[in-house]
Amino acid sequence: RGAPVALIGHSDFTALQCALFARGGIVTYGGPMLGP
């Protein structure tokens, strides 16, 4: 929370993003992924 770390992904990663924000107050980024 508040650390200069960008957690990035989309698609199925959205479930993790929502949970990390709701339960840990962690802001993430919807963005590009490695393979696709």
All heavy atoms as atom14 arrays in JSON, in Angstrom:
{
  "sequence": "RGAPVALIGHSDFTALQCALFARGGIVTYGGPMLGP",
  "atom14_mask": [
    [1, 1, 1, 1, 1, 1, 1, 1, 1, 1, 1, 0, 0, 0],
    [1, 1, 1, 1, 0, 0, 0, 0, 0, 0, 0, 0, 0, 0],
    [1, 1, 1, 1, 1, 0, 0, 0, 0, 0, 0, 0, 0, 0],
    [1, 1, 1, 1, 1, 1, 1, 0, 0, 0, 0, 0, 0, 0],
    [1, 1, 1, 1, 1, 1, 1, 0, 0, 0, 0, 0, 0, 0],
    [1, 1, 1, 1, 1, 0, 0, 0, 0, 0, 0, 0, 0, 0],
    [1, 1, 1, 1, 1, 1, 1, 1, 0, 0, 0, 0, 0, 0],
    [1, 1, 1, 1, 1, 1, 1, 1, 0, 0, 0, 0, 0, 0],
    [1, 1, 1, 1, 0, 0, 0, 0, 0, 0, 0, 0, 0, 0],
    [1, 1, 1, 1, 1, 1, 1, 1, 1, 1, 0, 0, 0, 0],
    [1, 1, 1, 1, 1, 1, 0, 0, 0, 0, 0, 0, 0, 0],
    [1, 1, 1, 1, 1, 1, 1, 1, 0, 0, 0, 0, 0, 0],
    [1, 1, 1, 1, 1, 1, 1, 1, 1, 1, 1, 0, 0, 0],
    [1, 1, 1, 1, 1, 1, 1, 0, 0, 0, 0, 0, 0, 0],
    [1, 1, 1, 1, 1, 0, 0, 0, 0, 0, 0, 0, 0, 0],
    [1, 1, 1, 1, 1, 1, 1, 1, 0, 0, 0, 0, 0, 0],
    [1, 1, 1, 1, 1, 1, 1, 1, 1, 0, 0, 0, 0, 0],
    [1, 1, 1, 1, 1, 1, 0, 0, 0, 0, 0, 0, 0, 0],
    [1, 1, 1, 1, 1, 0, 0, 0, 0, 0, 0, 0, 0, 0],
    [1, 1, 1, 1, 1, 1, 1, 1, 0, 0, 0, 0, 0, 0],
    [1, 1, 1, 1, 1, 1, 1, 1, 1, 1, 1, 0, 0, 0],
    [1, 1, 1, 1, 1, 0, 0, 0, 0, 0, 0, 0, 0, 0],
    [1, 1, 1, 1, 1, 1, 1, 1, 1, 1, 1, 0, 0, 0],
    [1, 1, 1, 1, 0, 0, 0, 0, 0, 0, 0, 0, 0, 0],
    [1, 1, 1, 1, 0, 0, 0, 0, 0, 0, 0, 0, 0, 0],
    [1, 1, 1, 1, 1, 1, 1, 1, 0, 0, 0, 0, 0, 0],
    [1, 1, 1, 1, 1, 1, 1, 0, 0, 0, 0, 0, 0, 0],
    [1, 1, 1, 1, 1, 1, 1, 0, 0, 0, 0, 0, 0, 0],
    [1, 1, 1, 1, 1, 1, 1, 1, 1, 1, 1, 1, 0, 0],
    [1, 1, 1, 1, 0, 0, 0, 0, 0, 0, 0, 0, 0, 0],
    [1, 1, 1, 1, 0, 0, 0, 0, 0, 0, 0, 0, 0, 0],
    [1, 1, 1, 1, 1, 1, 1, 0, 0, 0, 0, 0, 0, 0],
    [1, 1, 1, 1, 1, 1, 1, 1, 0, 0, 0, 0, 0, 0],
    [1, 1, 1, 1, 1, 1, 1, 1, 0, 0, 0, 0, 0, 0],
    [1, 1, 1, 1, 0, 0, 0, 0, 0, 0, 0, 0, 0, 0],
    [1, 1, 1, 1, 1, 1, 1, 0, 0, 0, 0, 0, 0, 0]
  ],
  "atom14_positions": [
    [[0.85, -1.19, 0.0], [0.0, 0.0, 0.0], [0.89, 1.24, 0.0], [1.66, 1.48, 0.92], [-0.92, -0.02, 1.23], [-2.05, 0.94, 1.17], [-3.02, 0.82, 2.36], [-2.45, 0.28, 3.59], [-2.69, -0.96, 4.06], [-3.46, -1.78, 3.4], [-2.14, -1.35, 5.19], [0.0, 0.0, 0.0], [0.0, 0.0, 0.0], [0.0, 0.0, 0.0]],
    [[0.83, 1.99, -1.06], [1.63, 3.2, -1.18], [3.05, 2.98, -1.65], [3.79, 3.94, -1.85], [0.0, 0.0, 0.0], [0.0, 0.0, 0.0], [0.0, 0.0, 0.0], [0.0, 0.0, 0.0], [0.0, 0.0, 0.0], [0.0, 0.0, 0.0], [0.0, 0.0, 0.0], [0.0, 0.0, 0.0], [0.0, 0.0, 0.0], [0.0, 0.0, 0.0]],
    [[3.46, 1.73, -1.82], [4.82, 1.45, -2.28], [4.92, 1.74, -3.78], [3.94, 1.63, -4.51], [5.18, -0.02, -2.02], [0.0, 0.0, 0.0], [0.0, 0.0, 0.0], [0.0, 0.0, 0.0], [0.0, 0.0, 0.0], [0.0, 0.0, 0.0], [0.0, 0.0, 0.0], [0.0, 0.0, 0.0], [0.0, 0.0, 0.0], [0.0, 0.0, 0.0]],
    [[6.1, 2.11, -4.25], [6.28, 2.4, -5.67], [6.42, 1.13, -6.52], [7.42, 0.91, -7.18], [7.55, 3.24, -5.69], [8.34, 2.72, -4.54], [7.32, 2.36, -3.48], [0.0, 0.0, 0.0], [0.0, 0.0, 0.0], [0.0, 0.0, 0.0], [0.0, 0.0, 0.0], [0.0, 0.0, 0.0], [0.0, 0.0, 0.0], [0.0, 0.0, 0.0]],
    [[5.4, 0.29, -6.45], [5.36, -0.97, -7.2], [4.09, -0.96, -8.04], [3.01, -0.73, -7.5], [5.34, -2.2, -6.27], [5.24, -3.48, -7.07], [6.55, -2.22, -5.37], [0.0, 0.0, 0.0], [0.0, 0.0, 0.0], [0.0, 0.0, 0.0], [0.0, 0.0, 0.0], [0.0, 0.0, 0.0], [0.0, 0.0, 0.0], [0.0, 0.0, 0.0]],
    [[4.23, -1.22, -9.32], [3.07, -1.29, -10.2], [2.73, -2.75, -10.47], [3.54, -3.47, -11.04], [3.36, -0.56, -11.5], [0.0, 0.0, 0.0], [0.0, 0.0, 0.0], [0.0, 0.0, 0.0], [0.0, 0.0, 0.0], [0.0, 0.0, 0.0], [0.0, 0.0, 0.0], [0.0, 0.0, 0.0], [0.0, 0.0, 0.0], [0.0, 0.0, 0.0]],
    [[1.54, -3.19, -10.03], [1.04, -4.52, -10.35], [0.16, -4.37, -11.58], [-0.83, -3.63, -11.54], [0.23, -5.09, -9.19], [1.04, -5.64, -8.02], [1.53, -4.52, -7.14], [0.21, -6.61, -7.24], [0.0, 0.0, 0.0], [0.0, 0.0, 0.0], [0.0, 0.0, 0.0], [0.0, 0.0, 0.0], [0.0, 0.0, 0.0], [0.0, 0.0, 0.0]],
    [[0.53, -5.06, -12.66], [-0.1, -4.8, -13.96], [-0.63, -6.08, -14.59], [0.06, -7.09, -14.63], [0.91, -4.16, -14.93], [1.49, -2.88, -14.33], [0.26, -3.88, -16.28], [2.65, -2.3, -15.11], [0.0, 0.0, 0.0], [0.0, 0.0, 0.0], [0.0, 0.0, 0.0], [0.0, 0.0, 0.0], [0.0, 0.0, 0.0], [0.0, 0.0, 0.0]],
    [[-1.84, -5.98, -15.1], [-2.45, -7.07, -15.85], [-3.88, -6.72, -16.2], [-4.35, -5.62, -15.89], [0.0, 0.0, 0.0], [0.0, 0.0, 0.0], [0.0, 0.0, 0.0], [0.0, 0.0, 0.0], [0.0, 0.0, 0.0], [0.0, 0.0, 0.0], [0.0, 0.0, 0.0], [0.0, 0.0, 0.0], [0.0, 0.0, 0.0], [0.0, 0.0, 0.0]],
    [[-4.55, -7.63, -16.84], [-5.97, -7.46, -17.15], [-6.59, -8.86, -17.32], [-5.96, -9.85, -16.97], [-6.18, -6.58, -18.39], [-5.68, -7.15, -19.67], [-4.39, -6.97, -20.1], [-6.29, -7.9, -20.61], [-4.23, -7.58, -21.26], [-5.36, -8.16, -21.59], [0.0, 0.0, 0.0], [0.0, 0.0, 0.0], [0.0, 0.0, 0.0], [0.0, 0.0, 0.0]],
    [[-7.78, -8.92, -17.82], [-8.47, -10.18, -18.04], [-8.72, -10.84, -16.68], [-9.25, -10.22, -15.77], [-7.67, -11.06, -19.0], [-8.33, -12.29, -19.26], [0.0, 0.0, 0.0], [0.0, 0.0, 0.0], [0.0, 0.0, 0.0], [0.0, 0.0, 0.0], [0.0, 0.0, 0.0], [0.0, 0.0, 0.0], [0.0, 0.0, 0.0], [0.0, 0.0, 0.0]],
    [[-8.3, -12.07, -16.51], [-8.52, -12.81, -15.27], [-7.82, -12.16, -14.07], [-8.23, -12.35, -12.93], [-8.01, -14.25, -15.46], [-8.5, -15.19, -14.4], [-9.68, -15.1, -14.02], [-7.71, -16.04, -13.96], [0.0, 0.0, 0.0], [0.0, 0.0, 0.0], [0.0, 0.0, 0.0], [0.0, 0.0, 0.0], [0.0, 0.0, 0.0], [0.0, 0.0, 0.0]],
    [[-6.81, -11.39, -14.32], [-6.08, -10.67, -13.27], [-6.99, -9.69, -12.53], [-6.71, -9.31, -11.4], [-4.88, -9.95, -13.89], [-3.91, -9.37, -12.89], [-3.18, -10.18, -12.06], [-3.74, -8.0, -12.8], [-2.28, -9.65, -11.15], [-2.85, -7.46, -11.89], [-2.11, -8.29, -11.07], [0.0, 0.0, 0.0], [0.0, 0.0, 0.0], [0.0, 0.0, 0.0]],
    [[-8.09, -9.31, -13.16], [-9.02, -8.35, -12.56], [-9.55, -8.86, -11.22], [-9.75, -8.06, -10.29], [-10.18, -8.05, -13.52], [-9.63, -7.62, -14.77], [-11.11, -6.99, -12.97], [0.0, 0.0, 0.0], [0.0, 0.0, 0.0], [0.0, 0.0, 0.0], [0.0, 0.0, 0.0], [0.0, 0.0, 0.0], [0.0, 0.0, 0.0], [0.0, 0.0, 0.0]],
    [[-9.78, -10.14, -11.08], [-10.25, -10.69, -9.8], [-9.24, -10.39, -8.69], [-9.61, -10.0, -7.58], [-10.47, -12.19, -9.92], [0.0, 0.0, 0.0], [0.0, 0.0, 0.0], [0.0, 0.0, 0.0], [0.0, 0.0, 0.0], [0.0, 0.0, 0.0], [0.0, 0.0, 0.0], [0.0, 0.0, 0.0], [0.0, 0.0, 0.0], [0.0, 0.0, 0.0]],
    [[-7.96, -10.56, -8.99], [-6.91, -10.27, -8.01], [-6.83, -8.78, -7.72], [-6.67, -8.37, -6.57], [-5.56, -10.79, -8.51], [-5.47, -12.29, -8.69], [-4.18, -12.67, -9.41], [-5.56, -12.99, -7.35], [0.0, 0.0, 0.0], [0.0, 0.0, 0.0], [0.0, 0.0, 0.0], [0.0, 0.0, 0.0], [0.0, 0.0, 0.0], [0.0, 0.0, 0.0]],
    [[-6.96, -7.97, -8.76], [-6.9, -6.52, -8.57], [-8.0, -6.05, -7.63], [-7.75, -5.26, -6.72], [-7.02, -5.81, -9.92], [-5.82, -6.02, -10.81], [-6.03, -5.43, -12.18], [-6.89, -5.85, -12.93], [-5.22, -4.43, -12.5], [0.0, 0.0, 0.0], [0.0, 0.0, 0.0], [0.0, 0.0, 0.0], [0.0, 0.0, 0.0], [0.0, 0.0, 0.0]],
    [[-9.2, -6.53, -7.86], [-10.34, -6.12, -7.01], [-10.14, -6.57, -5.57], [-10.38, -5.8, -4.63], [-11.64, -6.66, -7.58], [-12.13, -5.91, -9.14], [0.0, 0.0, 0.0], [0.0, 0.0, 0.0], [0.0, 0.0, 0.0], [0.0, 0.0, 0.0], [0.0, 0.0, 0.0], [0.0, 0.0, 0.0], [0.0, 0.0, 0.0], [0.0, 0.0, 0.0]],
    [[-9.69, -7.8, -5.38], [-9.48, -8.32, -4.03], [-8.34, -7.6, -3.33], [-8.44, -7.27, -2.14], [-9.19, -9.82, -4.08], [0.0, 0.0, 0.0], [0.0, 0.0, 0.0], [0.0, 0.0, 0.0], [0.0, 0.0, 0.0], [0.0, 0.0, 0.0], [0.0, 0.0, 0.0], [0.0, 0.0, 0.0], [0.0, 0.0, 0.0], [0.0, 0.0, 0.0]],
    [[-7.24, -7.33, -4.04], [-6.12, -6.63, -3.42], [-6.51, -5.22, -2.99], [-6.08, -4.74, -1.93], [-4.92, -6.58, -4.38], [-4.22, -7.92, -4.61], [-3.24, -7.82, -5.77], [-3.52, -8.39, -3.34], [0.0, 0.0, 0.0], [0.0, 0.0, 0.0], [0.0, 0.0, 0.0], [0.0, 0.0, 0.0], [0.0, 0.0, 0.0], [0.0, 0.0, 0.0]],
    [[-7.35, -4.57, -3.77], [-7.8, -3.24, -3.38], [-8.8, -3.31, -2.22], [-8.66, -2.59, -1.23], [-8.43, -2.51, -4.56], [-8.85, -1.11, -4.21], [-7.91, -0.12, -3.99], [-10.2, -0.79, -4.06], [-8.28, 1.16, -3.65], [-10.58, 0.49, -3.71], [-9.63, 1.47, -3.5], [0.0, 0.0, 0.0], [0.0, 0.0, 0.0], [0.0, 0.0, 0.0]],
    [[-9.77, -4.2, -2.32], [-10.81, -4.3, -1.29], [-10.26, -4.77, 0.05], [-10.64, -4.26, 1.09], [-11.92, -5.24, -1.76], [0.0, 0.0, 0.0], [0.0, 0.0, 0.0], [0.0, 0.0, 0.0], [0.0, 0.0, 0.0], [0.0, 0.0, 0.0], [0.0, 0.0, 0.0], [0.0, 0.0, 0.0], [0.0, 0.0, 0.0], [0.0, 0.0, 0.0]],
    [[-9.35, -5.73, 0.03], [-8.87, -6.33, 1.28], [-7.55, -5.76, 1.76], [-7.21, -5.89, 2.94], [-8.71, -7.84, 1.1], [-9.95, -8.59, 0.65], [-10.81, -9.13, 1.76], [-10.12, -9.8, 2.82], [-9.91, -11.1, 2.91], [-10.31, -11.9, 1.94], [-9.3, -11.62, 3.95], [0.0, 0.0, 0.0], [0.0, 0.0, 0.0], [0.0, 0.0, 0.0]],
    [[-6.76, -5.14, 0.84], [-5.45, -4.65, 1.24], [-5.2, -3.19, 0.93], [-4.14, -2.66, 1.27], [0.0, 0.0, 0.0], [0.0, 0.0, 0.0], [0.0, 0.0, 0.0], [0.0, 0.0, 0.0], [0.0, 0.0, 0.0], [0.0, 0.0, 0.0], [0.0, 0.0, 0.0], [0.0, 0.0, 0.0], [0.0, 0.0, 0.0], [0.0, 0.0, 0.0]],
    [[-6.15, -2.53, 0.26], [-5.96, -1.13, -0.1], [-4.86, -0.91, -1.12], [-4.29, 0.17, -1.21], [0.0, 0.0, 0.0], [0.0, 0.0, 0.0], [0.0, 0.0, 0.0], [0.0, 0.0, 0.0], [0.0, 0.0, 0.0], [0.0, 0.0, 0.0], [0.0, 0.0, 0.0], [0.0, 0.0, 0.0], [0.0, 0.0, 0.0], [0.0, 0.0, 0.0]],
    [[-4.58, -1.93, -1.93], [-3.49, -1.89, -2.89], [-4.03, -1.44, -4.25], [-4.93, -2.07, -4.8], [-2.81, -3.26, -3.02], [-2.28, -3.7, -1.65], [-1.71, -3.23, -4.07], [-1.93, -5.17, -1.57], [0.0, 0.0, 0.0], [0.0, 0.0, 0.0], [0.0, 0.0, 0.0], [0.0, 0.0, 0.0], [0.0, 0.0, 0.0], [0.0, 0.0, 0.0]],
    [[-3.45, -0.39, -4.77], [-3.83, 0.11, -6.08], [-3.01, -0.62, -7.14], [-1.79, -0.75, -7.0], [-3.6, 1.64, -6.18], [-3.88, 2.15, -7.58], [-4.47, 2.36, -5.15], [0.0, 0.0, 0.0], [0.0, 0.0, 0.0], [0.0, 0.0, 0.0], [0.0, 0.0, 0.0], [0.0, 0.0, 0.0], [0.0, 0.0, 0.0], [0.0, 0.0, 0.0]],
    [[-3.68, -1.1, -8.17], [-3.02, -1.82, -9.26], [-3.34, -1.14, -10.59], [-4.12, -0.18, -10.62], [-3.5, -3.29, -9.31], [-4.91, -3.3, -9.56], [-3.2, -4.01, -7.99], [0.0, 0.0, 0.0], [0.0, 0.0, 0.0], [0.0, 0.0, 0.0], [0.0, 0.0, 0.0], [0.0, 0.0, 0.0], [0.0, 0.0, 0.0], [0.0, 0.0, 0.0]],
    [[-2.76, -1.63, -11.66], [-2.98, -1.06, -12.99], [-3.61, -2.11, -13.91], [-3.11, -3.23, -13.99], [-1.66, -0.63, -13.62], [-1.01, 0.55, -12.95], [-0.22, 0.39, -11.82], [-1.17, 1.83, -13.47], [0.38, 1.47, -11.21], [-0.57, 2.91, -12.86], [0.2, 2.73, -11.73], [0.79, 3.8, -11.13], [0.0, 0.0, 0.0], [0.0, 0.0, 0.0]],
    [[-4.65, -1.71, -14.61], [-5.14, -2.51, -15.72], [-4.26, -2.16, -16.9], [-4.22, -1.0, -17.31], [0.0, 0.0, 0.0], [0.0, 0.0, 0.0], [0.0, 0.0, 0.0], [0.0, 0.0, 0.0], [0.0, 0.0, 0.0], [0.0, 0.0, 0.0], [0.0, 0.0, 0.0], [0.0, 0.0, 0.0], [0.0, 0.0, 0.0], [0.0, 0.0, 0.0]],
    [[-3.52, -3.12, -17.4], [-2.59, -2.81, -18.47], [-2.09, -4.04, -19.17], [-2.59, -5.14, -18.95], [0.0, 0.0, 0.0], [0.0, 0.0, 0.0], [0.0, 0.0, 0.0], [0.0, 0.0, 0.0], [0.0, 0.0, 0.0], [0.0, 0.0, 0.0], [0.0, 0.0, 0.0], [0.0, 0.0, 0.0], [0.0, 0.0, 0.0], [0.0, 0.0, 0.0]],
    [[-1.1, -3.87, -20.03], [-0.61, -4.97, -20.86], [0.03, -6.08, -20.05], [0.49, -5.88, -18.93], [0.41, -4.28, -21.77], [0.83, -3.07, -21.03], [-0.35, -2.64, -20.22], [0.0, 0.0, 0.0], [0.0, 0.0, 0.0], [0.0, 0.0, 0.0], [0.0, 0.0, 0.0], [0.0, 0.0, 0.0], [0.0, 0.0, 0.0], [0.0, 0.0, 0.0]],
    [[0.05, -7.25, -20.67], [0.66, -8.42, -20.05], [1.8, -8.94, -20.93], [1.92, -8.56, -22.09], [-0.39, -9.5, -19.81], [-1.41, -9.07, -18.77], [-2.54, -10.37, -18.25], [-3.62, -10.48, -19.66], [0.0, 0.0, 0.0], [0.0, 0.0, 0.0], [0.0, 0.0, 0.0], [0.0, 0.0, 0.0], [0.0, 0.0, 0.0], [0.0, 0.0, 0.0]],
    [[2.59, -9.81, -20.35], [3.79, -10.29, -21.04], [3.49, -10.94, -22.39], [3.99, -10.49, -23.41], [4.55, -11.28, -20.15], [5.8, -11.88, -20.79], [6.87, -10.81, -21.0], [6.33, -13.02, -19.96], [0.0, 0.0, 0.0], [0.0, 0.0, 0.0], [0.0, 0.0, 0.0], [0.0, 0.0, 0.0], [0.0, 0.0, 0.0], [0.0, 0.0, 0.0]],
    [[2.73, -12.0, -22.4], [2.53, -12.76, -23.62], [1.64, -12.09, -24.65], [2.08, -11.82, -25.77], [0.0, 0.0, 0.0], [0.0, 0.0, 0.0], [0.0, 0.0, 0.0], [0.0, 0.0, 0.0], [0.0, 0.0, 0.0], [0.0, 0.0, 0.0], [0.0, 0.0, 0.0], [0.0, 0.0, 0.0], [0.0, 0.0, 0.0], [0.0, 0.0, 0.0]],
    [[0.39, -11.82, -24.3], [-0.52, -11.31, -25.32], [-0.19, -9.91, -25.81], [-0.55, -9.55, -26.93], [-1.88, -11.34, -24.64], [-1.62, -11.46, -23.19], [-0.27, -12.08, -23.03], [0.0, 0.0, 0.0], [0.0, 0.0, 0.0], [0.0, 0.0, 0.0], [0.0, 0.0, 0.0], [0.0, 0.0, 0.0], [0.0, 0.0, 0.0], [0.0, 0.0, 0.0]]
  ]
}
